[in-house]
Amino acid sequence: MITTQRELRRRFWEECGDLPGITRHKITDYSGEGKMYDTTTRTEFVFWVDALNKNGEISDALVDRATL
Protein backbone atom coordinates (compact mmCIF):
# COMPACT_ATOMS: atom_id res chain seq x y z
CA MET A 1 0.00 0.00 0.00
CA ILE A 2 1.25 3.47 -0.91
CA THR A 3 1.16 5.80 2.09
CA THR A 4 3.09 8.96 1.13
CA GLN A 5 2.86 11.56 -1.63
CA ARG A 6 6.53 11.06 -2.45
CA GLU A 7 6.03 7.35 -3.02
CA LEU A 8 2.88 8.03 -5.03
CA ARG A 9 4.70 10.41 -7.40
CA ARG A 10 7.65 8.03 -7.74
CA ARG A 11 5.35 5.15 -8.65
CA PHE A 12 3.45 7.31 -11.16
CA TRP A 13 6.63 8.17 -13.03
CA GLU A 14 7.82 4.54 -12.91
CA GLU A 15 4.52 3.10 -14.16
CA CYS A 16 3.24 5.84 -16.45
CA GLY A 17 6.26 7.92 -17.46
CA ASP A 18 6.62 6.17 -20.83
CA LEU A 19 2.99 6.55 -21.91
CA PRO A 20 2.35 8.71 -24.99
CA GLY A 21 1.67 12.31 -24.04
CA ILE A 22 3.13 12.03 -20.53
CA THR A 23 6.03 14.42 -20.03
CA ARG A 24 8.17 15.48 -17.10
CA HIS A 25 8.79 18.87 -18.68
CA LYS A 26 6.94 21.66 -16.96
CA ILE A 27 5.29 24.54 -18.79
CA THR A 28 4.52 28.09 -17.70
CA ASP A 29 1.37 28.20 -15.57
CA TYR A 30 -1.69 30.27 -16.42
CA SER A 31 -0.58 33.26 -14.34
CA GLY A 32 2.84 33.28 -15.98
CA GLU A 33 4.46 33.24 -12.54
CA GLY A 34 5.29 29.55 -12.07
CA LYS A 35 5.50 26.14 -13.69
CA MET A 36 3.10 23.21 -14.02
CA TYR A 37 2.81 19.92 -15.87
CA ASP A 38 0.78 19.94 -19.08
CA THR A 39 -2.91 19.01 -19.08
CA THR A 40 -2.39 15.47 -20.39
CA THR A 41 0.12 14.60 -17.66
CA ARG A 42 -2.04 16.10 -14.89
CA THR A 43 -5.17 14.34 -16.18
CA GLU A 44 -3.46 10.96 -16.38
CA PHE A 45 -2.15 11.42 -12.84
CA VAL A 46 -5.68 12.07 -11.57
CA PHE A 47 -7.09 9.02 -13.40
CA TRP A 48 -4.23 6.86 -12.10
CA VAL A 49 -4.71 8.05 -8.49
CA ASP A 50 -8.46 7.41 -8.77
CA ALA A 51 -7.85 3.87 -10.02
CA LEU A 52 -5.44 3.15 -7.16
CA ASN A 53 -8.02 4.38 -4.67
CA LYS A 54 -10.79 2.27 -6.18
CA ASN A 55 -8.49 -0.78 -6.01
CA GLY A 56 -7.78 -0.08 -2.33
CA GLU A 57 -4.08 0.64 -2.90
CA ILE A 58 -4.21 4.16 -1.41
CA SER A 59 -6.37 5.77 1.24
CA ASP A 60 -9.02 8.44 0.73
CA ALA A 61 -6.86 10.78 2.81
CA LEU A 62 -3.92 10.37 0.42
CA VAL A 63 -6.20 10.98 -2.57
CA ASP A 64 -7.32 14.25 -0.99
CA ARG A 65 -3.79 15.57 -0.63
CA ALA A 66 -2.09 13.99 -3.67
CA THR A 67 -0.30 16.40 -6.00
CA LEU A 68 2.04 15.84 -8.86
C-alpha atoms as a PDB file:
ATOM      1  CA  MET A   1       0.000   0.000   0.000  1.00  0.00           C
ATOM      2  CA  ILE A   2       1.250   3.468  -0.906  1.00  0.00           C
ATOM      3  CA  THR A   3       1.158   5.805   2.091  1.00  0.00           C
ATOM      4  CA  THR A   4       3.087   8.963   1.129  1.00  0.00           C
ATOM      5  CA  GLN A   5       2.859  11.556  -1.635  1.00  0.00           C
ATOM      6  CA  ARG A   6       6.531  11.057  -2.449  1.00  0.00           C
ATOM      7  CA  GLU A   7       6.034   7.350  -3.020  1.00  0.00           C
ATOM      8  CA  LEU A   8       2.876   8.034  -5.027  1.00  0.00           C
ATOM      9  CA  ARG A   9       4.700  10.410  -7.397  1.00  0.00           C
ATOM     10  CA  ARG A  10       7.652   8.033  -7.738  1.00  0.00           C
ATOM     11  CA  ARG A  11       5.346   5.146  -8.653  1.00  0.00           C
ATOM     12  CA  PHE A  12       3.455   7.313 -11.155  1.00  0.00           C
ATOM     13  CA  TRP A  13       6.625   8.166 -13.032  1.00  0.00           C
ATOM     14  CA  GLU A  14       7.821   4.540 -12.907  1.00  0.00           C
ATOM     15  CA  GLU A  15       4.525   3.102 -14.155  1.00  0.00           C
ATOM     16  CA  CYS A  16       3.243   5.838 -16.455  1.00  0.00           C
ATOM     17  CA  GLY A  17       6.260   7.919 -17.461  1.00  0.00           C
ATOM     18  CA  ASP A  18       6.622   6.172 -20.831  1.00  0.00           C
ATOM     19  CA  LEU A  19       2.986   6.553 -21.909  1.00  0.00           C
ATOM     20  CA  PRO A  20       2.353   8.709 -24.986  1.00  0.00           C
ATOM     21  CA  GLY A  21       1.667  12.312 -24.039  1.00  0.00           C
ATOM     22  CA  ILE A  22       3.135  12.034 -20.526  1.00  0.00           C
ATOM     23  CA  THR A  23       6.032  14.418 -20.035  1.00  0.00           C
ATOM     24  CA  ARG A  24       8.174  15.482 -17.103  1.00  0.00           C
ATOM     25  CA  HIS A  25       8.792  18.866 -18.679  1.00  0.00           C
ATOM     26  CA  LYS A  26       6.938  21.664 -16.962  1.00  0.00           C
ATOM     27  CA  ILE A  27       5.290  24.545 -18.793  1.00  0.00           C
ATOM     28  CA  THR A  28       4.520  28.092 -17.695  1.00  0.00           C
ATOM     29  CA  ASP A  29       1.366  28.196 -15.573  1.00  0.00           C
ATOM     30  CA  TYR A  30      -1.692  30.269 -16.420  1.00  0.00           C
ATOM     31  CA  SER A  31      -0.582  33.257 -14.337  1.00  0.00           C
ATOM     32  CA  GLY A  32       2.840  33.281 -15.982  1.00  0.00           C
ATOM     33  CA  GLU A  33       4.455  33.238 -12.536  1.00  0.00           C
ATOM     34  CA  GLY A  34       5.289  29.554 -12.070  1.00  0.00           C
ATOM     35  CA  LYS A  35       5.497  26.140 -13.686  1.00  0.00           C
ATOM     36  CA  MET A  36       3.101  23.212 -14.016  1.00  0.00           C
ATOM     37  CA  TYR A  37       2.808  19.918 -15.874  1.00  0.00           C
ATOM     38  CA  ASP A  38       0.782  19.941 -19.076  1.00  0.00           C
ATOM     39  CA  THR A  39      -2.906  19.009 -19.081  1.00  0.00           C
ATOM     40  CA  THR A  40      -2.390  15.466 -20.392  1.00  0.00           C
ATOM     41  CA  THR A  41       0.115  14.603 -17.659  1.00  0.00           C
ATOM     42  CA  ARG A  42      -2.038  16.105 -14.888  1.00  0.00           C
ATOM     43  CA  THR A  43      -5.172  14.344 -16.176  1.00  0.00           C
ATOM     44  CA  GLU A  44      -3.463  10.958 -16.381  1.00  0.00           C
ATOM     45  CA  PHE A  45      -2.149  11.424 -12.841  1.00  0.00           C
ATOM     46  CA  VAL A  46      -5.677  12.067 -11.566  1.00  0.00           C
ATOM     47  CA  PHE A  47      -7.091   9.020 -13.396  1.00  0.00           C
ATOM     48  CA  TRP A  48      -4.229   6.864 -12.100  1.00  0.00           C
ATOM     49  CA  VAL A  49      -4.714   8.051  -8.493  1.00  0.00           C
ATOM     50  CA  ASP A  50      -8.463   7.409  -8.769  1.00  0.00           C
ATOM     51  CA  ALA A  51      -7.851   3.870 -10.019  1.00  0.00           C
ATOM     52  CA  LEU A  52      -5.436   3.153  -7.157  1.00  0.00           C
ATOM     53  CA  ASN A  53      -8.017   4.379  -4.670  1.00  0.00           C
ATOM     54  CA  LYS A  54     -10.791   2.269  -6.183  1.00  0.00           C
ATOM     55  CA  ASN A  55      -8.495  -0.778  -6.009  1.00  0.00           C
ATOM     56  CA  GLY A  56      -7.778  -0.081  -2.333  1.00  0.00           C
ATOM     57  CA  GLU A  57      -4.085   0.640  -2.901  1.00  0.00           C
ATOM     58  CA  ILE A  58      -4.209   4.156  -1.415  1.00  0.00           C
ATOM     59  CA  SER A  59      -6.372   5.774   1.238  1.00  0.00           C
ATOM     60  CA  ASP A  60      -9.020   8.439   0.734  1.00  0.00           C
ATOM     61  CA  ALA A  61      -6.863  10.784   2.812  1.00  0.00           C
ATOM     62  CA  LEU A  62      -3.923  10.365   0.420  1.00  0.00           C
ATOM     63  CA  VAL A  63      -6.197  10.978  -2.568  1.00  0.00           C
ATOM     64  CA  ASP A  64      -7.323  14.252  -0.991  1.00  0.00           C
ATOM     65  CA  ARG A  65      -3.789  15.573  -0.627  1.00  0.00           C
ATOM     66  CA  ALA A  66      -2.086  13.988  -3.667  1.00  0.00           C
ATOM     67  CA  THR A  67      -0.297  16.398  -5.998  1.00  0.00           C
ATOM     68  CA  LEU A  68       2.043  15.835  -8.858  1.00  0.00           C
END
